[in-house]
N, C-alpha and C. Protein backbone atom coordinates (compact mmCIF):
# COMPACT_ATOMS: atom_id res chain seq x y z
N MET A 1 1.19 -1.02 -0.33
CA MET A 1 -0.13 -0.20 -0.14
C MET A 1 0.63 0.82 0.26
N ASN A 2 0.27 2.45 -0.96
CA ASN A 2 1.46 3.10 -1.32
C ASN A 2 0.87 4.33 -0.53
N ASN A 3 1.39 5.08 0.79
CA ASN A 3 0.43 5.93 1.41
C ASN A 3 2.00 7.23 1.10
N LYS A 4 2.45 7.33 0.04
CA LYS A 4 2.78 8.59 0.01
C LYS A 4 1.97 9.96 0.10
N LYS A 5 1.96 11.09 0.52
CA LYS A 5 1.16 12.16 1.27
C LYS A 5 2.19 13.40 -0.64
N LEU A 6 0.93 13.81 -1.07
CA LEU A 6 1.75 14.94 -2.11
C LEU A 6 2.17 16.48 -1.49
N LEU A 7 2.49 16.71 -0.54
CA LEU A 7 3.04 17.73 0.19
C LEU A 7 3.27 19.30 -1.16
N GLU A 8 3.27 19.58 -1.80
CA GLU A 8 3.22 20.51 -2.68
C GLU A 8 3.58 20.34 -4.00
N LYS A 9 3.37 20.44 -5.69
CA LYS A 9 3.41 20.49 -6.95
C LYS A 9 3.20 21.93 -7.46
N LYS A 10 4.19 21.54 -8.77
CA LYS A 10 4.02 22.15 -9.94
C LYS A 10 4.14 21.71 -10.95
N ASP A 11 2.63 21.22 -11.55
CA ASP A 11 3.13 19.80 -12.66
C ASP A 11 3.74 20.25 -14.19
N TRP A 12 4.51 19.16 -13.97
CA TRP A 12 5.23 18.75 -15.51
C TRP A 12 6.57 19.66 -14.42
N GLU A 13 6.97 20.15 -13.41
CA GLU A 13 7.81 20.81 -12.83
C GLU A 13 8.55 19.96 -11.37
N TYR A 14 7.87 19.86 -10.63
CA TYR A 14 8.69 19.05 -9.77
C TYR A 14 7.20 18.54 -8.85
N TYR A 15 7.48 18.00 -7.68
CA TYR A 15 6.20 17.64 -7.40
C TYR A 15 6.94 16.90 -5.69
N ILE A 16 6.52 17.30 -4.44
CA ILE A 16 7.30 17.21 -3.48
C ILE A 16 5.97 15.81 -2.50
N PHE A 17 6.57 14.59 -2.34
CA PHE A 17 5.63 13.47 -1.11
C PHE A 17 6.66 13.49 -0.28
N GLN A 18 5.39 13.12 0.67
CA GLN A 18 6.08 13.03 2.60
C GLN A 18 5.22 11.14 2.41
N GLN A 19 6.23 10.21 3.09
CA GLN A 19 5.94 9.16 3.08
C GLN A 19 6.80 8.63 4.45
N ASN A 20 5.95 9.07 5.72
CA ASN A 20 6.69 9.05 6.96
C ASN A 20 7.57 10.08 7.67
N ASP A 21 8.58 9.33 7.65
CA ASP A 21 9.50 11.20 7.70
C ASP A 21 9.68 11.23 6.45
N ILE A 22 10.28 10.68 5.56
CA ILE A 22 10.87 11.08 4.33
C ILE A 22 10.56 12.20 3.09
N LEU A 23 10.97 12.76 3.29
CA LEU A 23 10.50 13.44 1.67
C LEU A 23 10.83 13.28 -0.11
N GLU A 24 10.69 12.99 -0.23
CA GLU A 24 11.39 13.03 -1.74
C GLU A 24 10.55 14.12 -2.47
N LEU A 25 11.59 14.36 -3.69
CA LEU A 25 11.45 15.89 -4.69
C LEU A 25 11.80 14.78 -5.71
N LEU A 26 10.59 14.98 -7.20
CA LEU A 26 10.70 14.03 -8.21
C LEU A 26 10.22 15.24 -9.32
N VAL A 27 11.63 15.22 -10.15
CA VAL A 27 11.31 16.32 -11.24
C VAL A 27 11.27 15.74 -12.50
N THR A 28 10.96 16.56 -13.17
CA THR A 28 10.03 15.75 -14.53
C THR A 28 10.74 16.22 -15.53
N VAL A 29 10.92 16.19 -16.60
CA VAL A 29 12.37 16.34 -18.36
C VAL A 29 11.51 15.69 -18.76
N GLU A 30 11.66 16.38 -19.90
CA GLU A 30 10.83 15.94 -21.41
C GLU A 30 11.89 15.55 -22.18
N LYS A 31 13.07 16.10 -21.60
CA LYS A 31 14.26 15.02 -22.53
C LYS A 31 15.64 14.57 -21.90
N PRO A 32 15.86 13.24 -22.44
CA PRO A 32 16.04 12.75 -23.54
C PRO A 32 14.14 12.30 -23.20
N ASN A 33 14.01 12.29 -24.98
CA ASN A 33 12.48 11.43 -25.41
C ASN A 33 12.62 9.68 -24.82
N PRO A 34 11.19 9.42 -24.18
CA PRO A 34 9.98 10.39 -24.10
C PRO A 34 10.01 10.93 -23.04
N GLY A 35 10.47 11.61 -21.71
CA GLY A 35 10.66 11.59 -21.13
C GLY A 35 10.88 10.91 -19.80
N LEU A 36 11.38 12.18 -18.50
CA LEU A 36 11.59 11.41 -17.69
C LEU A 36 10.88 11.65 -16.00
N ASP A 37 10.80 11.16 -15.21
CA ASP A 37 10.77 11.71 -13.55
C ASP A 37 11.92 11.41 -13.01
N ILE A 38 12.51 12.16 -12.18
CA ILE A 38 13.71 12.33 -12.33
C ILE A 38 13.60 12.27 -10.16
N ILE A 39 14.31 11.51 -9.74
CA ILE A 39 13.68 11.27 -7.61
C ILE A 39 14.91 11.25 -6.85
N HIS A 40 14.88 12.24 -5.64
CA HIS A 40 16.11 12.18 -4.83
C HIS A 40 15.00 12.62 -3.57
N GLN A 41 15.19 11.47 -2.88
CA GLN A 41 15.15 11.20 -1.04
C GLN A 41 16.40 12.73 -0.35
N LEU A 42 15.31 13.49 -0.11
CA LEU A 42 15.28 14.79 0.81
C LEU A 42 16.91 14.46 1.67
N ASN A 43 17.94 14.55 1.57
CA ASN A 43 19.02 14.72 3.04
C ASN A 43 18.28 15.88 4.36
N THR A 44 18.56 15.09 5.25
CA THR A 44 18.23 15.88 6.94
C THR A 44 18.58 17.17 6.32
N SER A 45 19.34 17.68 5.57
CA SER A 45 19.77 19.47 5.54
C SER A 45 19.00 19.72 5.00
N GLU A 46 18.68 19.54 3.51
CA GLU A 46 17.46 19.47 2.69
C GLU A 46 15.79 20.18 3.16
N LYS A 47 15.50 18.81 3.80
CA LYS A 47 14.48 18.89 4.08
C LYS A 47 13.94 19.73 5.46
N GLU A 48 15.32 19.97 6.36
CA GLU A 48 14.91 21.69 7.11
C GLU A 48 14.59 22.28 6.50
N ASN A 49 15.85 23.16 5.31
CA ASN A 49 15.56 23.68 4.76
C ASN A 49 14.47 24.17 3.68
N TYR A 50 14.10 22.68 3.78
CA TYR A 50 11.98 23.20 2.72
C TYR A 50 11.64 23.33 3.60
N LEU A 51 11.03 22.58 4.61
CA LEU A 51 9.94 23.21 5.60
C LEU A 51 9.81 24.17 6.68
N LYS A 52 11.60 24.79 6.35
CA LYS A 52 11.62 26.35 6.87
C LYS A 52 11.40 27.21 5.44
N MET A 53 12.07 27.24 4.59
CA MET A 53 11.80 28.41 3.25
C MET A 53 11.25 27.57 2.08
N GLY A 54 10.24 26.40 1.93
CA GLY A 54 9.95 25.99 1.31
C GLY A 54 10.54 25.68 -0.47
N ILE A 55 9.78 25.70 -1.81
CA ILE A 55 10.60 24.76 -2.62
C ILE A 55 11.98 25.89 -2.96
N GLN A 56 12.22 27.82 -2.47
CA GLN A 56 13.34 27.47 -2.89
C GLN A 56 14.75 27.82 -2.37
N ALA A 57 14.37 26.45 -1.02
CA ALA A 57 15.45 25.78 -0.56
C ALA A 57 15.92 24.67 -1.30
N LEU A 58 15.59 24.56 -2.56
CA LEU A 58 15.73 23.44 -3.52
C LEU A 58 16.11 23.77 -4.61
N GLU A 59 16.26 24.95 -4.84
CA GLU A 59 16.38 25.01 -6.54
C GLU A 59 17.83 24.96 -6.70
N ASP A 60 18.63 24.69 -6.29
CA ASP A 60 19.76 24.13 -6.58
C ASP A 60 19.43 22.84 -7.34
N ARG A 61 19.56 22.05 -6.18
CA ARG A 61 18.95 20.52 -6.00
C ARG A 61 18.18 20.41 -7.46
N ILE A 62 17.23 20.68 -7.66
CA ILE A 62 16.69 20.68 -9.17
C ILE A 62 17.29 21.19 -10.47
N LYS A 63 18.16 22.10 -10.29
CA LYS A 63 19.04 22.36 -11.38
C LYS A 63 19.44 21.42 -11.53
N ASP A 64 19.84 21.06 -10.49
CA ASP A 64 21.16 19.59 -10.54
C ASP A 64 20.41 18.43 -11.19
N MET A 65 19.43 17.97 -10.79
CA MET A 65 18.69 16.84 -10.64
C MET A 65 18.76 16.78 -12.62
N LYS A 66 18.24 17.88 -12.96
CA LYS A 66 17.85 18.60 -14.70
C LYS A 66 19.09 18.25 -15.27
N GLU A 67 20.15 18.67 -14.60
CA GLU A 67 21.97 18.29 -15.36
C GLU A 67 22.22 17.11 -15.53
N ASN A 68 22.10 17.14 -14.45
CA ASN A 68 22.38 15.51 -14.22
C ASN A 68 22.19 14.25 -14.18
N PHE A 69 20.58 14.37 -14.76
CA PHE A 69 19.84 13.18 -13.82
C PHE A 69 20.51 11.83 -13.82
N SER A 70 21.81 11.84 -14.75
CA SER A 70 22.16 10.13 -14.81
C SER A 70 22.62 9.41 -13.13
N TRP A 71 22.64 10.64 -12.95
CA TRP A 71 23.82 10.31 -11.47
C TRP A 71 21.63 10.19 -10.24
N TYR A 72 20.54 9.70 -10.15
CA TYR A 72 19.73 9.67 -9.45
C TYR A 72 18.59 8.49 -10.36
N LYS A 73 18.02 8.36 -9.34
CA LYS A 73 16.66 6.82 -9.81
C LYS A 73 16.04 7.49 -11.09
N VAL A 74 15.24 7.39 -11.74
CA VAL A 74 14.92 7.83 -13.24
C VAL A 74 14.44 6.23 -13.11
N ASN A 75 12.68 7.36 -13.44
CA ASN A 75 11.68 6.49 -14.32
C ASN A 75 11.59 7.19 -15.32
N SER A 76 11.45 5.98 -16.57
CA SER A 76 10.79 6.80 -18.01
C SER A 76 9.61 6.47 -18.32
N TRP A 77 8.87 7.64 -18.88
CA TRP A 77 7.35 7.55 -18.95
C TRP A 77 7.13 6.32 -19.97
N ARG A 78 7.83 5.44 -20.58
CA ARG A 78 7.77 4.55 -21.76
C ARG A 78 7.32 3.73 -20.82
């Protein structure tokens, strides 16, 4: 049973999910085709900063995920 709770989203940009004490950032990209979901579990520092400052605290991480997607867990849209 998947009990992930959606905390925040900007459609086709990013989604923040919470499952128990874990926060997960999902970023979508259209290229390479057919598109990817890039997934990162926030570390303690990222989680604390996100809870204090909101999505602005994760701007650098989102940029890195889009540029270096092969370093992260990836799900193809195919």
